[in-house]
Amino acid sequence: MTDIDILREEIKELEAQIFRIRNSMNRADNGVKLKKLAVITRLRDRCNRSLAALEKRGDAA
């Protein structure tokens, strides 16, 4: 597996976690879930930026 494949797989898992958290927001522990959602979303965004940089570097090579 290349770094690009690993990042894509990680992004899929993060998006699945985000989906699960958003679907369970009607419970009483929303404060904790909102914080966790913010952290996971930031991590996903960093992964997306890294993926874009790797793909761009791959196109340049």
N, C-alpha and C. Protein backbone atom coordinates (compact mmCIF):
# COMPACT_ATOMS: atom_id res chain seq x y z
N MET A 1 0.83 -1.19 0.00
CA MET A 1 0.00 0.00 0.00
C MET A 1 0.88 1.25 0.00
N THR A 2 0.47 2.21 -0.76
CA THR A 2 1.20 3.47 -0.79
C THR A 2 0.65 4.41 0.28
N ASP A 3 1.36 5.51 0.49
CA ASP A 3 0.90 6.50 1.46
C ASP A 3 -0.46 7.06 1.06
N ILE A 4 -0.68 7.22 -0.22
CA ILE A 4 -1.96 7.75 -0.71
C ILE A 4 -3.09 6.78 -0.37
N ASP A 5 -2.87 5.50 -0.57
CA ASP A 5 -3.89 4.50 -0.25
C ASP A 5 -4.19 4.49 1.25
N ILE A 6 -3.16 4.59 2.05
CA ILE A 6 -3.34 4.59 3.51
C ILE A 6 -4.13 5.81 3.95
N LEU A 7 -3.80 6.97 3.39
CA LEU A 7 -4.53 8.19 3.74
C LEU A 7 -6.00 8.09 3.31
N ARG A 8 -6.24 7.56 2.13
CA ARG A 8 -7.64 7.42 1.68
C ARG A 8 -8.43 6.50 2.60
N GLU A 9 -7.79 5.42 3.04
CA GLU A 9 -8.45 4.49 3.96
C GLU A 9 -8.73 5.16 5.31
N GLU A 10 -7.77 5.93 5.79
CA GLU A 10 -7.94 6.64 7.06
C GLU A 10 -9.06 7.68 6.96
N ILE A 11 -9.13 8.39 5.84
CA ILE A 11 -10.18 9.39 5.63
C ILE A 11 -11.55 8.72 5.63
N LYS A 12 -11.66 7.56 4.99
CA LYS A 12 -12.93 6.83 4.99
C LYS A 12 -13.37 6.47 6.40
N GLU A 13 -12.43 6.01 7.21
CA GLU A 13 -12.74 5.63 8.59
C GLU A 13 -13.16 6.85 9.41
N LEU A 14 -12.45 7.97 9.22
CA LEU A 14 -12.81 9.20 9.94
C LEU A 14 -14.19 9.69 9.54
N GLU A 15 -14.51 9.61 8.25
CA GLU A 15 -15.84 10.03 7.80
C GLU A 15 -16.93 9.12 8.36
N ALA A 16 -16.63 7.83 8.50
CA ALA A 16 -17.60 6.91 9.10
C ALA A 16 -17.81 7.27 10.58
N GLN A 17 -16.74 7.62 11.28
CA GLN A 17 -16.89 8.02 12.68
C GLN A 17 -17.71 9.29 12.80
N ILE A 18 -17.45 10.26 11.92
CA ILE A 18 -18.22 11.50 11.92
C ILE A 18 -19.69 11.21 11.68
N PHE A 19 -19.98 10.34 10.73
CA PHE A 19 -21.36 9.97 10.41
C PHE A 19 -22.05 9.35 11.63
N ARG A 20 -21.36 8.42 12.30
CA ARG A 20 -21.94 7.76 13.47
C ARG A 20 -22.21 8.75 14.60
N ILE A 21 -21.28 9.66 14.83
CA ILE A 21 -21.46 10.65 15.91
C ILE A 21 -22.63 11.57 15.59
N ARG A 22 -22.69 12.05 14.36
CA ARG A 22 -23.79 12.95 13.99
C ARG A 22 -25.15 12.28 14.10
N ASN A 23 -25.21 10.99 13.80
CA ASN A 23 -26.48 10.28 13.88
C ASN A 23 -26.90 9.98 15.31
N SER A 24 -26.00 10.10 16.26
CA SER A 24 -26.36 9.81 17.65
C SER A 24 -26.42 11.08 18.50
N MET A 25 -26.57 12.23 17.89
CA MET A 25 -26.53 13.49 18.61
C MET A 25 -27.79 13.78 19.44
N ASN A 26 -28.80 12.95 19.38
CA ASN A 26 -30.03 13.24 20.12
C ASN A 26 -29.96 12.79 21.57
N ARG A 27 -28.84 12.23 21.99
CA ARG A 27 -28.69 11.77 23.37
C ARG A 27 -28.17 12.89 24.26
N ALA A 28 -28.14 12.66 25.55
CA ALA A 28 -27.82 13.70 26.52
C ALA A 28 -26.35 14.13 26.52
N ASP A 29 -25.46 13.32 25.99
CA ASP A 29 -24.03 13.62 26.05
C ASP A 29 -23.53 14.38 24.83
N ASN A 30 -24.31 15.30 24.34
CA ASN A 30 -23.96 16.03 23.13
C ASN A 30 -22.71 16.88 23.28
N GLY A 31 -22.42 17.41 24.47
CA GLY A 31 -21.23 18.23 24.67
C GLY A 31 -19.96 17.45 24.38
N VAL A 32 -19.90 16.25 24.90
CA VAL A 32 -18.73 15.39 24.66
C VAL A 32 -18.65 15.02 23.18
N LYS A 33 -19.79 14.71 22.60
CA LYS A 33 -19.80 14.32 21.19
C LYS A 33 -19.40 15.48 20.29
N LEU A 34 -19.81 16.69 20.62
CA LEU A 34 -19.42 17.85 19.81
C LEU A 34 -17.91 18.06 19.85
N LYS A 35 -17.31 17.90 21.02
CA LYS A 35 -15.86 18.04 21.12
C LYS A 35 -15.16 16.95 20.33
N LYS A 36 -15.63 15.72 20.46
CA LYS A 36 -15.04 14.60 19.71
C LYS A 36 -15.21 14.81 18.21
N LEU A 37 -16.37 15.30 17.81
CA LEU A 37 -16.64 15.57 16.41
C LEU A 37 -15.69 16.63 15.86
N ALA A 38 -15.42 17.66 16.66
CA ALA A 38 -14.50 18.72 16.23
C ALA A 38 -13.09 18.17 16.03
N VAL A 39 -12.64 17.32 16.95
CA VAL A 39 -11.30 16.75 16.85
C VAL A 39 -11.19 15.84 15.63
N ILE A 40 -12.18 14.98 15.43
CA ILE A 40 -12.16 14.05 14.30
C ILE A 40 -12.24 14.82 12.97
N THR A 41 -13.04 15.87 12.94
CA THR A 41 -13.17 16.67 11.72
C THR A 41 -11.85 17.36 11.38
N ARG A 42 -11.17 17.90 12.40
CA ARG A 42 -9.86 18.53 12.14
C ARG A 42 -8.86 17.50 11.63
N LEU A 43 -8.87 16.31 12.21
CA LEU A 43 -7.96 15.26 11.77
C LEU A 43 -8.25 14.86 10.32
N ARG A 44 -9.53 14.73 9.99
CA ARG A 44 -9.91 14.39 8.61
C ARG A 44 -9.45 15.47 7.64
N ASP A 45 -9.61 16.73 8.04
CA ASP A 45 -9.19 17.83 7.17
C ASP A 45 -7.67 17.83 6.96
N ARG A 46 -6.92 17.54 8.02
CA ARG A 46 -5.45 17.43 7.86
C ARG A 46 -5.08 16.29 6.93
N CYS A 47 -5.78 15.17 7.07
CA CYS A 47 -5.52 14.03 6.18
C CYS A 47 -5.83 14.40 4.72
N ASN A 48 -6.93 15.12 4.52
CA ASN A 48 -7.28 15.55 3.16
C ASN A 48 -6.22 16.47 2.57
N ARG A 49 -5.69 17.39 3.39
CA ARG A 49 -4.63 18.28 2.91
C ARG A 49 -3.36 17.50 2.58
N SER A 50 -3.03 16.54 3.43
CA SER A 50 -1.85 15.71 3.18
C SER A 50 -2.02 14.88 1.91
N LEU A 51 -3.22 14.35 1.72
CA LEU A 51 -3.51 13.57 0.52
C LEU A 51 -3.38 14.43 -0.72
N ALA A 52 -3.91 15.63 -0.67
CA ALA A 52 -3.81 16.54 -1.82
C ALA A 52 -2.35 16.87 -2.12
N ALA A 53 -1.55 17.08 -1.08
CA ALA A 53 -0.13 17.40 -1.29
C ALA A 53 0.60 16.20 -1.89
N LEU A 54 0.30 15.00 -1.41
CA LEU A 54 0.94 13.80 -1.97
C LEU A 54 0.55 13.58 -3.42
N GLU A 55 -0.72 13.79 -3.73
CA GLU A 55 -1.17 13.62 -5.11
C GLU A 55 -0.54 14.66 -6.02
N LYS A 56 -0.42 15.90 -5.53
CA LYS A 56 0.19 16.97 -6.32
C LYS A 56 1.67 16.67 -6.57
N ARG A 57 2.35 16.19 -5.53
CA ARG A 57 3.76 15.83 -5.67
C ARG A 57 3.92 14.66 -6.64
N GLY A 58 2.95 13.73 -6.62
CA GLY A 58 3.00 12.61 -7.53
C GLY A 58 2.81 13.05 -8.97
N ASP A 59 1.95 14.05 -9.19
CA ASP A 59 1.73 14.58 -10.55
C ASP A 59 2.96 15.31 -11.05
N ALA A 60 3.68 15.97 -10.13
CA ALA A 60 4.86 16.74 -10.53
C ALA A 60 6.04 15.82 -10.85
N ALA A 61 6.04 14.65 -10.27
CA ALA A 61 7.19 13.75 -10.47
C ALA A 61 7.14 13.03 -11.80
